[in-house]
Amino acid sequence: MQSRFFAAPDGLNLHALVLGEDAATAQQPTPIVCLPGLTRPARDFVVLAQYLYARTPRRIVSLDYRGRGGSDWDPEWRNYSLPVEYVDILAMLDQLKLGSAIFIGTSRGGLHAMTLASLSPERVKALALNDIGPELGLQGLAKISAYIGRLPVLRTVEQAVEHFKGSLGGSFPAVPDEDWRIYADISLNDTPERLRLSYDPQLARTMDNFDPAKPLPDLWELFQGLTAPVLALRGENSDLLSPEVFARMAAVHPRCQTHVVPGQGHAPLLLDKPTLERIAAFIDEADRG
């Protein structure tokens, strides 16, 4: 995947990874846009993008929100918000001349995909939601609030693998060592001093006001109003997307398919072959539809 840079509406430099841009033609199938989670970089989707492109060549784009991955950090941390990021996403889609696409969104990226599908349904041909739904688990949000912005001193990928296996392995017992290494590689930036977070640590401040006693926004009406086909993915051990919410998603949306990723929590890494195949099959259906 090749790096592309864009100017946000406020001038901040934003980054995306693009596959298949040089060969893009009007005859190619619908492009795919990948939107990562809260702290995650665009490179989370490299394995999935390569898998999908090998099956059916097309443009595949993975975006870095401001403050993450290859995008510039914002000097004002309050801009790390859903509304500002949504405007950034629209700007990048316009600069890439993407009128309609299939969207794959992990966690926060799924919220953006649902919002776009609701406000501009002509831009979303289908959407795959990775461990996110119209109702969020408070336990999962509390866990995110506890770890965001924190990282021990790690100097090698091997140390990073052991760190992630130790901190996440309880919820991800099915992940093999080779996938933990991929996860460590894409999660951290290598600097001469140490491995560092691939996002601005100030992102943690967006969780300062998180209060588990306060009710969360109800997105069921938005979800039920979506007209595009949906593939809902859930990690078997997820504490952000409960089994009850997951089942209700399929019950209330007539075009919602489901897939459970065994032995993984929030959010599935999108590296195991059964999940890659399930996403590919869903995209094949969207192409035919």
C-alpha atoms as a PDB file:
ATOM      1  CA  MET A   1       0.000   0.000   0.000  1.00  0.00           C
ATOM      2  CA  GLN A   2       1.233   3.477  -0.884  1.00  0.00           C
ATOM      3  CA  SER A   3       1.095   6.549   1.339  1.00  0.00           C
ATOM      4  CA  ARG A   4      -1.020   9.508   0.280  1.00  0.00           C
ATOM      5  CA  PHE A   5      -1.309  12.800   2.109  1.00  0.00           C
ATOM      6  CA  PHE A   6      -4.233  15.198   2.233  1.00  0.00           C
ATOM      7  CA  ALA A   7      -5.051  18.565   3.725  1.00  0.00           C
ATOM      8  CA  ALA A   8      -7.815  18.574   6.316  1.00  0.00           C
ATOM      9  CA  PRO A   9     -10.302  21.465   6.100  1.00  0.00           C
ATOM     10  CA  ASP A  10      -8.361  23.224   8.890  1.00  0.00           C
ATOM     11  CA  GLY A  11      -5.006  22.598   7.144  1.00  0.00           C
ATOM     12  CA  LEU A  12      -3.741  19.673   9.227  1.00  0.00           C
ATOM     13  CA  ASN A  13      -1.787  17.065   7.235  1.00  0.00           C
ATOM     14  CA  LEU A  14      -3.645  13.744   7.025  1.00  0.00           C
ATOM     15  CA  HIS A  15      -2.386  10.369   5.814  1.00  0.00           C
ATOM     16  CA  ALA A  16      -3.918   7.348   4.114  1.00  0.00           C
ATOM     17  CA  LEU A  17      -2.698   4.072   2.659  1.00  0.00           C
ATOM     18  CA  VAL A  18      -3.931   3.300  -0.850  1.00  0.00           C
ATOM     19  CA  LEU A  19      -3.766   0.044  -2.787  1.00  0.00           C
ATOM     20  CA  GLY A  20      -4.615  -0.241  -6.485  1.00  0.00           C
ATOM     21  CA  GLU A  21      -4.694   3.480  -7.193  1.00  0.00           C
ATOM     22  CA  ASP A  22      -2.418   3.301 -10.255  1.00  0.00           C
ATOM     23  CA  ALA A  23      -4.659   0.761 -11.944  1.00  0.00           C
ATOM     24  CA  ALA A  24      -7.958   2.337 -10.885  1.00  0.00           C
ATOM     25  CA  THR A  25     -10.494   2.536 -13.709  1.00  0.00           C
ATOM     26  CA  ALA A  26     -14.180   3.192 -13.986  1.00  0.00           C
ATOM     27  CA  GLN A  27     -14.689  -0.510 -14.769  1.00  0.00           C
ATOM     28  CA  GLN A  28     -13.196  -1.706 -11.490  1.00  0.00           C
ATOM     29  CA  PRO A  29     -15.489  -2.961  -8.719  1.00  0.00           C
ATOM     30  CA  THR A  30     -16.613  -0.593  -5.972  1.00  0.00           C
ATOM     31  CA  PRO A  31     -13.681   0.801  -3.931  1.00  0.00           C
ATOM     32  CA  ILE A  32     -13.231  -0.189  -0.295  1.00  0.00           C
ATOM     33  CA  VAL A  33     -12.586   2.307   2.511  1.00  0.00           C
ATOM     34  CA  CYS A  34     -11.218   1.095   5.862  1.00  0.00           C
ATOM     35  CA  LEU A  35     -11.699   3.119   9.052  1.00  0.00           C
ATOM     36  CA  PRO A  36      -9.683   2.093  12.148  1.00  0.00           C
ATOM     37  CA  GLY A  37     -10.483   2.164  15.840  1.00  0.00           C
ATOM     38  CA  LEU A  38      -9.914   4.948  18.363  1.00  0.00           C
ATOM     39  CA  THR A  39      -6.138   4.524  18.779  1.00  0.00           C
ATOM     40  CA  ARG A  40      -5.436   2.389  15.760  1.00  0.00           C
ATOM     41  CA  PRO A  41      -3.478   3.198  12.557  1.00  0.00           C
ATOM     42  CA  ALA A  42      -4.418   2.701   8.921  1.00  0.00           C
ATOM     43  CA  ARG A  43      -1.948  -0.172   8.676  1.00  0.00           C
ATOM     44  CA  ASP A  44      -4.337  -2.325  10.743  1.00  0.00           C
ATOM     45  CA  PHE A  45      -5.990  -3.157   7.418  1.00  0.00           C
ATOM     46  CA  VAL A  46      -2.925  -3.967   5.290  1.00  0.00           C
ATOM     47  CA  VAL A  47      -3.323  -7.758   5.558  1.00  0.00           C
ATOM     48  CA  LEU A  48      -7.062  -7.555   4.830  1.00  0.00           C
ATOM     49  CA  ALA A  49      -6.494  -5.128   1.934  1.00  0.00           C
ATOM     50  CA  GLN A  50      -3.897  -7.379   0.320  1.00  0.00           C
ATOM     51  CA  TYR A  51      -6.179 -10.400   0.743  1.00  0.00           C
ATOM     52  CA  LEU A  52      -9.155  -8.632  -0.849  1.00  0.00           C
ATOM     53  CA  TYR A  53      -7.070  -7.116  -3.656  1.00  0.00           C
ATOM     54  CA  ALA A  54      -5.611 -10.510  -4.579  1.00  0.00           C
ATOM     55  CA  ARG A  55      -9.160 -11.807  -5.058  1.00  0.00           C
ATOM     56  CA  THR A  56     -10.534  -8.788  -6.915  1.00  0.00           C
ATOM     57  CA  PRO A  57      -8.259  -5.851  -7.866  1.00  0.00           C
ATOM     58  CA  ARG A  58      -9.794  -2.510  -6.931  1.00  0.00           C
ATOM     59  CA  ARG A  59      -8.923   0.650  -5.036  1.00  0.00           C
ATOM     60  CA  ILE A  60      -8.643   0.015  -1.302  1.00  0.00           C
ATOM     61  CA  VAL A  61      -8.057   2.957   1.015  1.00  0.00           C
ATOM     62  CA  SER A  62      -7.249   2.915   4.740  1.00  0.00           C
ATOM     63  CA  LEU A  63      -7.397   6.237   6.571  1.00  0.00           C
ATOM     64  CA  ASP A  64      -5.406   7.598   9.494  1.00  0.00           C
ATOM     65  CA  TYR A  65      -7.411   9.992  11.668  1.00  0.00           C
ATOM     66  CA  ARG A  66      -5.660  13.119  12.869  1.00  0.00           C
ATOM     67  CA  GLY A  67      -3.159  12.277  15.589  1.00  0.00           C
ATOM     68  CA  ARG A  68      -2.832   8.649  14.497  1.00  0.00           C
ATOM     69  CA  GLY A  69      -0.468   6.750  12.236  1.00  0.00           C
ATOM     70  CA  GLY A  70       1.025   8.954   9.529  1.00  0.00           C
ATOM     71  CA  SER A  71      -1.296  11.918  10.121  1.00  0.00           C
ATOM     72  CA  ASP A  72      -0.060  14.992  11.976  1.00  0.00           C
ATOM     73  CA  TRP A  73      -0.790  15.412  15.657  1.00  0.00           C
ATOM     74  CA  ASP A  74      -3.263  18.175  16.411  1.00  0.00           C
ATOM     75  CA  PRO A  75      -1.987  20.838  18.845  1.00  0.00           C
ATOM     76  CA  GLU A  76      -5.554  21.061  20.169  1.00  0.00           C
ATOM     77  CA  TRP A  77      -6.450  17.652  21.618  1.00  0.00           C
ATOM     78  CA  ARG A  78     -10.151  18.540  21.710  1.00  0.00           C
ATOM     79  CA  ASN A  79     -10.154  18.121  17.931  1.00  0.00           C
ATOM     80  CA  TYR A  80      -9.746  14.385  18.468  1.00  0.00           C
ATOM     81  CA  SER A  81     -13.517  14.144  18.336  1.00  0.00           C
ATOM     82  CA  LEU A  82     -16.036  12.261  16.236  1.00  0.00           C
ATOM     83  CA  PRO A  83     -17.413  15.418  14.520  1.00  0.00           C
ATOM     84  CA  VAL A  84     -13.973  16.731  13.497  1.00  0.00           C
ATOM     85  CA  GLU A  85     -12.835  13.291  12.328  1.00  0.00           C
ATOM     86  CA  TYR A  86     -16.037  12.883  10.325  1.00  0.00           C
ATOM     87  CA  VAL A  87     -15.349  16.119   8.436  1.00  0.00           C
ATOM     88  CA  ASP A  88     -11.774  14.920   7.826  1.00  0.00           C
ATOM     89  CA  ILE A  89     -13.087  11.633   6.412  1.00  0.00           C
ATOM     90  CA  LEU A  90     -15.402  13.460   4.018  1.00  0.00           C
ATOM     91  CA  ALA A  91     -12.523  15.683   2.887  1.00  0.00           C
ATOM     92  CA  MET A  92     -10.267  12.694   2.163  1.00  0.00           C
ATOM     93  CA  LEU A  93     -13.041  10.858   0.310  1.00  0.00           C
ATOM     94  CA  ASP A  94     -13.619  13.931  -1.840  1.00  0.00           C
ATOM     95  CA  GLN A  95      -9.915  14.381  -2.565  1.00  0.00           C
ATOM     96  CA  LEU A  96      -9.727  10.710  -3.585  1.00  0.00           C
ATOM     97  CA  LYS A  97     -12.838  11.240  -5.751  1.00  0.00           C
ATOM     98  CA  LEU A  98     -14.647   8.390  -4.014  1.00  0.00           C
ATOM     99  CA  GLY A  99     -18.337   8.896  -4.618  1.00  0.00           C
ATOM    100  CA  SER A 100     -19.490   5.483  -3.391  1.00  0.00           C
ATOM    101  CA  ALA A 101     -17.596   2.768  -1.534  1.00  0.00           C
ATOM    102  CA  ILE A 102     -17.844  -0.317   0.642  1.00  0.00           C
ATOM    103  CA  PHE A 103     -16.794   0.624   4.182  1.00  0.00           C
ATOM    104  CA  ILE A 104     -15.063  -1.539   6.779  1.00  0.00           C
ATOM    105  CA  GLY A 105     -14.984   0.080  10.209  1.00  0.00           C
ATOM    106  CA  THR A 106     -13.369  -1.196  13.389  1.00  0.00           C
ATOM    107  CA  SER A 107     -14.931   0.114  16.616  1.00  0.00           C
ATOM    108  CA  ARG A 108     -14.802   3.925  16.296  1.00  0.00           C
ATOM    109  CA  GLY A 109     -14.439   3.483  12.536  1.00  0.00           C
ATOM    110  CA  GLY A 110     -17.733   1.603  12.542  1.00  0.00           C
ATOM    111  CA  LEU A 111     -19.429   4.560  14.230  1.00  0.00           C
ATOM    112  CA  HIS A 112     -18.135   6.802  11.450  1.00  0.00           C
ATOM    113  CA  ALA A 113     -19.312   4.311   8.809  1.00  0.00           C
ATOM    114  CA  MET A 114     -22.802   4.110  10.317  1.00  0.00           C
ATOM    115  CA  THR A 115     -23.021   7.896  10.508  1.00  0.00           C
ATOM    116  CA  LEU A 116     -21.979   8.269   6.872  1.00  0.00           C
ATOM    117  CA  ALA A 117     -24.428   5.560   5.780  1.00  0.00           C
ATOM    118  CA  SER A 118     -27.199   7.398   7.634  1.00  0.00           C
ATOM    119  CA  LEU A 119     -26.432  10.943   6.475  1.00  0.00           C
ATOM    120  CA  SER A 120     -25.216  10.151   2.947  1.00  0.00           C
ATOM    121  CA  PRO A 121     -26.594   6.708   2.014  1.00  0.00           C
ATOM    122  CA  GLU A 122     -25.565   7.163  -1.615  1.00  0.00           C
ATOM    123  CA  ARG A 123     -21.910   7.038  -0.524  1.00  0.00           C
ATOM    124  CA  VAL A 124     -22.129   3.671   1.264  1.00  0.00           C
ATOM    125  CA  LYS A 125     -22.830   0.592  -0.841  1.00  0.00           C
ATOM    126  CA  ALA A 126     -22.279  -1.773   2.086  1.00  0.00           C
ATOM    127  CA  LEU A 127     -20.586  -1.693   5.480  1.00  0.00           C
ATOM    128  CA  ALA A 128     -18.777  -4.211   7.644  1.00  0.00           C
ATOM    129  CA  LEU A 129     -18.761  -3.305  11.339  1.00  0.00           C
ATOM    130  CA  ASN A 130     -15.922  -4.819  13.354  1.00  0.00           C
ATOM    131  CA  ASP A 131     -17.030  -5.239  16.988  1.00  0.00           C
ATOM    132  CA  ILE A 132     -19.223  -2.173  17.158  1.00  0.00           C
ATOM    133  CA  GLY A 133     -22.950  -1.610  17.252  1.00  0.00           C
ATOM    134  CA  PRO A 134     -25.695   0.806  18.273  1.00  0.00           C
ATOM    135  CA  GLU A 135     -25.103   0.129  21.980  1.00  0.00           C
ATOM    136  CA  LEU A 136     -21.702   0.011  23.703  1.00  0.00           C
ATOM    137  CA  GLY A 137     -20.638  -1.991  26.735  1.00  0.00           C
ATOM    138  CA  LEU A 138     -19.506   0.144  29.660  1.00  0.00           C
ATOM    139  CA  GLN A 139     -16.945  -2.451  30.759  1.00  0.00           C
ATOM    140  CA  GLY A 140     -15.261  -2.266  27.372  1.00  0.00           C
ATOM    141  CA  LEU A 141     -15.198   1.528  27.431  1.00  0.00           C
ATOM    142  CA  ALA A 142     -13.732   1.505  30.952  1.00  0.00           C
ATOM    143  CA  LYS A 143     -10.963  -0.834  29.781  1.00  0.00           C
ATOM    144  CA  ILE A 144     -10.146   1.500  26.856  1.00  0.00           C
ATOM    145  CA  SER A 145     -10.069   4.459  29.236  1.00  0.00           C
ATOM    146  CA  ALA A 146      -7.604   2.599  31.472  1.00  0.00           C
ATOM    147  CA  TYR A 147      -5.014   1.741  28.818  1.00  0.00           C
ATOM    148  CA  ILE A 148      -5.169   4.597  26.304  1.00  0.00           C
ATOM    149  CA  GLY A 149      -1.989   6.679  26.205  1.00  0.00           C
ATOM    150  CA  ARG A 150       0.006   4.227  28.332  1.00  0.00           C
ATOM    151  CA  LEU A 151       2.887   2.041  27.200  1.00  0.00           C
ATOM    152  CA  PRO A 152       5.816   0.536  29.124  1.00  0.00           C
ATOM    153  CA  VAL A 153       9.345   0.986  27.826  1.00  0.00           C
ATOM    154  CA  LEU A 154       9.744  -1.460  24.954  1.00  0.00           C
ATOM    155  CA  ARG A 155      12.864  -1.609  22.811  1.00  0.00           C
ATOM    156  CA  THR A 156      12.306  -4.649  20.581  1.00  0.00           C
ATOM    157  CA  VAL A 157       9.426  -6.217  18.708  1.00  0.00           C
ATOM    158  CA  GLU A 158       9.909  -9.340  20.814  1.00  0.00           C
ATOM    159  CA  GLN A 159       9.308  -7.302  23.968  1.00  0.00           C
ATOM    160  CA  ALA A 160       6.242  -5.742  22.337  1.00  0.00           C
ATOM    161  CA  VAL A 161       4.855  -9.173  21.450  1.00  0.00           C
ATOM    162  CA  GLU A 162       5.201 -10.312  25.059  1.00  0.00           C
ATOM    163  CA  HIS A 163       3.595  -7.076  26.270  1.00  0.00           C
ATOM    164  CA  PHE A 164       0.541  -7.449  24.039  1.00  0.00           C
ATOM    165  CA  LYS A 165       0.201 -11.159  24.775  1.00  0.00           C
ATOM    166  CA  GLY A 166       0.324 -10.363  28.485  1.00  0.00           C
ATOM    167  CA  SER A 167      -2.116  -7.474  28.415  1.00  0.00           C
ATOM    168  CA  LEU A 168      -4.564  -8.742  25.772  1.00  0.00           C
ATOM    169  CA  GLY A 169      -3.976 -12.485  25.635  1.00  0.00           C
ATOM    170  CA  GLY A 170      -6.723 -13.299  28.130  1.00  0.00           C
ATOM    171  CA  SER A 171      -9.336 -12.047  25.674  1.00  0.00           C
ATOM    172  CA  PHE A 172      -7.478 -13.293  22.589  1.00  0.00           C
ATOM    173  CA  PRO A 173      -6.445 -16.893  23.361  1.00  0.00           C
ATOM    174  CA  ALA A 174      -6.918 -17.956  19.725  1.00  0.00           C
ATOM    175  CA  VAL A 175      -4.319 -15.546  18.305  1.00  0.00           C
ATOM    176  CA  PRO A 176      -1.131 -17.376  17.219  1.00  0.00           C
ATOM    177  CA  ASP A 177       2.366 -15.984  17.814  1.00  0.00           C
ATOM    178  CA  GLU A 178       2.816 -14.936  14.181  1.00  0.00           C
ATOM    179  CA  ASP A 179      -0.305 -12.744  14.397  1.00  0.00           C
ATOM    180  CA  TRP A 180       0.875 -11.193  17.663  1.00  0.00           C
ATOM    181  CA  ARG A 181       4.063 -10.171  15.856  1.00  0.00           C
ATOM    182  CA  ILE A 182       2.053  -8.587  13.040  1.00  0.00           C
ATOM    183  CA  TYR A 183      -0.047  -6.784  15.643  1.00  0.00           C
ATOM    184  CA  ALA A 184       3.049  -5.516  17.460  1.00  0.00           C
ATOM    185  CA  ASP A 185       4.610  -4.329  14.192  1.00  0.00           C
ATOM    186  CA  ILE A 186       1.561  -2.327  13.132  1.00  0.00           C
ATOM    187  CA  SER A 187       0.730  -0.988  16.607  1.00  0.00           C
ATOM    188  CA  LEU A 188       4.010   0.761  17.423  1.00  0.00           C
ATOM    189  CA  ASN A 189       6.483   3.131  15.771  1.00  0.00           C
ATOM    190  CA  ASP A 190      10.177   2.251  15.873  1.00  0.00           C
ATOM    191  CA  THR A 191      12.432   5.127  17.012  1.00  0.00           C
ATOM    192  CA  PRO A 192      16.162   5.106  17.908  1.00  0.00           C
ATOM    193  CA  GLU A 193      15.310   5.246  21.611  1.00  0.00           C
ATOM    194  CA  ARG A 194      12.375   2.832  21.900  1.00  0.00           C
ATOM    195  CA  LEU A 195       9.114   1.645  20.418  1.00  0.00           C
ATOM    196  CA  ARG A 196       6.425   4.288  20.773  1.00  0.00           C
ATOM    197  CA  LEU A 197       2.681   4.556  20.451  1.00  0.00           C
ATOM    198  CA  SER A 198       1.439   5.103  16.907  1.00  0.00           C
ATOM    199  CA  TYR A 199      -0.826   7.917  18.123  1.00  0.00           C
ATOM    200  CA  ASP A 200      -0.663  11.173  20.034  1.00  0.00           C
ATOM    201  CA  PRO A 201      -0.752  10.367  23.795  1.00  0.00           C
ATOM    202  CA  GLN A 202      -3.005  13.415  24.207  1.00  0.00           C
ATOM    203  CA  LEU A 203      -5.740  11.267  22.695  1.00  0.00           C
ATOM    204  CA  ALA A 204      -6.149   9.872  26.215  1.00  0.00           C
ATOM    205  CA  ARG A 205      -7.599  13.209  27.317  1.00  0.00           C
ATOM    206  CA  THR A 206     -10.703  12.548  25.232  1.00  0.00           C
ATOM    207  CA  MET A 207     -11.637   9.957  27.878  1.00  0.00           C
ATOM    208  CA  ASP A 208     -11.182  12.333  30.826  1.00  0.00           C
ATOM    209  CA  ASN A 209     -14.914  12.831  31.218  1.00  0.00           C
ATOM    210  CA  PHE A 210     -15.872   9.195  30.799  1.00  0.00           C
ATOM    211  CA  ASP A 211     -18.346   8.320  33.550  1.00  0.00           C
ATOM    212  CA  PRO A 212     -19.701   4.767  33.611  1.00  0.00           C
ATOM    213  CA  ALA A 213     -22.705   6.038  35.566  1.00  0.00           C
ATOM    214  CA  LYS A 214     -23.856   8.266  32.695  1.00  0.00           C
ATOM    215  CA  PRO A 215     -26.079   6.788  29.980  1.00  0.00           C
ATOM    216  CA  LEU A 216     -24.533   6.466  26.528  1.00  0.00           C
ATOM    217  CA  PRO A 217     -26.151   7.732  23.308  1.00  0.00           C
ATOM    218  CA  ASP A 218     -28.775   5.401  21.856  1.00  0.00           C
ATOM    219  CA  LEU A 219     -27.938   4.660  18.221  1.00  0.00           C
ATOM    220  CA  TRP A 220     -30.620   2.056  17.540  1.00  0.00           C
ATOM    221  CA  GLU A 221     -32.793   4.399  15.496  1.00  0.00           C
ATOM    222  CA  LEU A 222     -29.805   5.341  13.343  1.00  0.00           C
ATOM    223  CA  PHE A 223     -28.862   1.678  12.860  1.00  0.00           C
ATOM    224  CA  GLN A 224     -32.388   0.559  11.997  1.00  0.00           C
ATOM    225  CA  GLY A 225     -32.607   3.328   9.409  1.00  0.00           C
ATOM    226  CA  LEU A 226     -29.582   2.127   7.442  1.00  0.00           C
ATOM    227  CA  THR A 227     -30.490   0.923   3.970  1.00  0.00           C
ATOM    228  CA  ALA A 228     -27.118  -0.593   3.009  1.00  0.00           C
ATOM    229  CA  PRO A 229     -26.326  -4.261   3.709  1.00  0.00           C
ATOM    230  CA  VAL A 230     -24.362  -4.796   6.923  1.00  0.00           C
ATOM    231  CA  LEU A 231     -21.902  -7.448   8.062  1.00  0.00           C
ATOM    232  CA  ALA A 232     -21.599  -7.318  11.853  1.00  0.00           C
ATOM    233  CA  LEU A 233     -18.454  -8.924  13.261  1.00  0.00           C
ATOM    234  CA  ARG A 234     -18.080  -9.688  16.954  1.00  0.00           C
ATOM    235  CA  GLY A 235     -15.144 -11.001  18.906  1.00  0.00           C
ATOM    236  CA  GLU A 236     -16.359 -13.977  20.934  1.00  0.00           C
ATOM    237  CA  ASN A 237     -14.887 -12.427  24.105  1.00  0.00           C
ATOM    238  CA  SER A 238     -15.769  -8.805  23.340  1.00  0.00           C
ATOM    239  CA  ASP A 239     -16.748  -6.620  26.286  1.00  0.00           C
ATOM    240  CA  LEU A 240     -17.763  -3.697  24.058  1.00  0.00           C
ATOM    241  CA  LEU A 241     -20.321  -5.483  21.850  1.00  0.00           C
ATOM    242  CA  SER A 242     -22.457  -7.831  23.946  1.00  0.00           C
ATOM    243  CA  PRO A 243     -24.058 -11.034  22.587  1.00  0.00           C
ATOM    244  CA  GLU A 244     -27.481  -9.497  23.248  1.00  0.00           C
ATOM    245  CA  VAL A 245     -26.786  -6.337  21.241  1.00  0.00           C
ATOM    246  CA  PHE A 246     -25.179  -8.412  18.504  1.00  0.00           C
ATOM    247  CA  ALA A 247     -28.260 -10.642  18.203  1.00  0.00           C
ATOM    248  CA  ARG A 248     -30.586  -7.644  18.235  1.00  0.00           C
ATOM    249  CA  MET A 249     -28.661  -6.045  15.363  1.00  0.00           C
ATOM    250  CA  ALA A 250     -29.528  -9.007  13.136  1.00  0.00           C
ATOM    251  CA  ALA A 251     -33.120  -8.997  14.368  1.00  0.00           C
ATOM    252  CA  VAL A 252     -33.884  -5.323  13.675  1.00  0.00           C
ATOM    253  CA  HIS A 253     -31.965  -4.855  10.409  1.00  0.00           C
ATOM    254  CA  PRO A 254     -33.269  -7.083   7.588  1.00  0.00           C
ATOM    255  CA  ARG A 255     -29.972  -6.866   5.663  1.00  0.00           C
ATOM    256  CA  CYS A 256     -27.627  -7.494   8.604  1.00  0.00           C
ATOM    257  CA  GLN A 257     -25.453 -10.605   8.469  1.00  0.00           C
ATOM    258  CA  THR A 258     -23.308 -11.714  11.416  1.00  0.00           C
ATOM    259  CA  HIS A 259     -20.000 -13.433  12.048  1.00  0.00           C
ATOM    260  CA  VAL A 260     -18.365 -14.331  15.366  1.00  0.00           C
ATOM    261  CA  VAL A 261     -14.552 -14.414  15.574  1.00  0.00           C
ATOM    262  CA  PRO A 262     -13.704 -17.274  17.970  1.00  0.00           C
ATOM    263  CA  GLY A 263     -11.198 -16.713  20.739  1.00  0.00           C
ATOM    264  CA  GLN A 264     -10.829 -12.965  20.221  1.00  0.00           C
ATOM    265  CA  GLY A 265     -12.064  -9.933  22.136  1.00  0.00           C
ATOM    266  CA  HIS A 266     -12.372  -6.250  21.294  1.00  0.00           C
ATOM    267  CA  ALA A 267     -11.610  -5.732  18.554  1.00  0.00           C
ATOM    268  CA  PRO A 268     -10.850  -8.732  16.308  1.00  0.00           C
ATOM    269  CA  LEU A 269      -7.487  -8.276  14.587  1.00  0.00           C
ATOM    270  CA  LEU A 270      -8.799  -9.151  11.087  1.00  0.00           C
ATOM    271  CA  LEU A 271      -5.836 -11.459  10.510  1.00  0.00           C
ATOM    272  CA  ASP A 272      -7.374 -14.952  10.761  1.00  0.00           C
ATOM    273  CA  LYS A 273      -8.333 -16.615   7.494  1.00  0.00           C
ATOM    274  CA  PRO A 274     -11.980 -17.475   8.357  1.00  0.00           C
ATOM    275  CA  THR A 275     -12.701 -13.826   9.112  1.00  0.00           C
ATOM    276  CA  LEU A 276     -10.883 -12.639   5.988  1.00  0.00           C
ATOM    277  CA  GLU A 277     -12.925 -15.111   3.943  1.00  0.00           C
ATOM    278  CA  ARG A 278     -16.195 -14.010   5.564  1.00  0.00           C
ATOM    279  CA  ILE A 279     -15.510 -10.344   4.803  1.00  0.00           C
ATOM    280  CA  ALA A 280     -14.512 -11.244   1.235  1.00  0.00           C
ATOM    281  CA  ALA A 281     -17.732 -13.196   0.712  1.00  0.00           C
ATOM    282  CA  PHE A 282     -19.788 -10.258   1.985  1.00  0.00           C
ATOM    283  CA  ILE A 283     -17.975  -7.897  -0.385  1.00  0.00           C
ATOM    284  CA  ASP A 284     -18.567 -10.299  -3.277  1.00  0.00           C
ATOM    285  CA  GLU A 285     -22.301 -10.135  -2.492  1.00  0.00           C
ATOM    286  CA  ALA A 286     -22.164  -6.335  -2.392  1.00  0.00           C
ATOM    287  CA  ASP A 287     -20.411  -6.285  -5.783  1.00  0.00           C
ATOM    288  CA  ARG A 288     -23.161  -8.421  -7.291  1.00  0.00           C
ATOM    289  CA  GLY A 289     -25.880  -6.359  -5.674  1.00  0.00           C
END
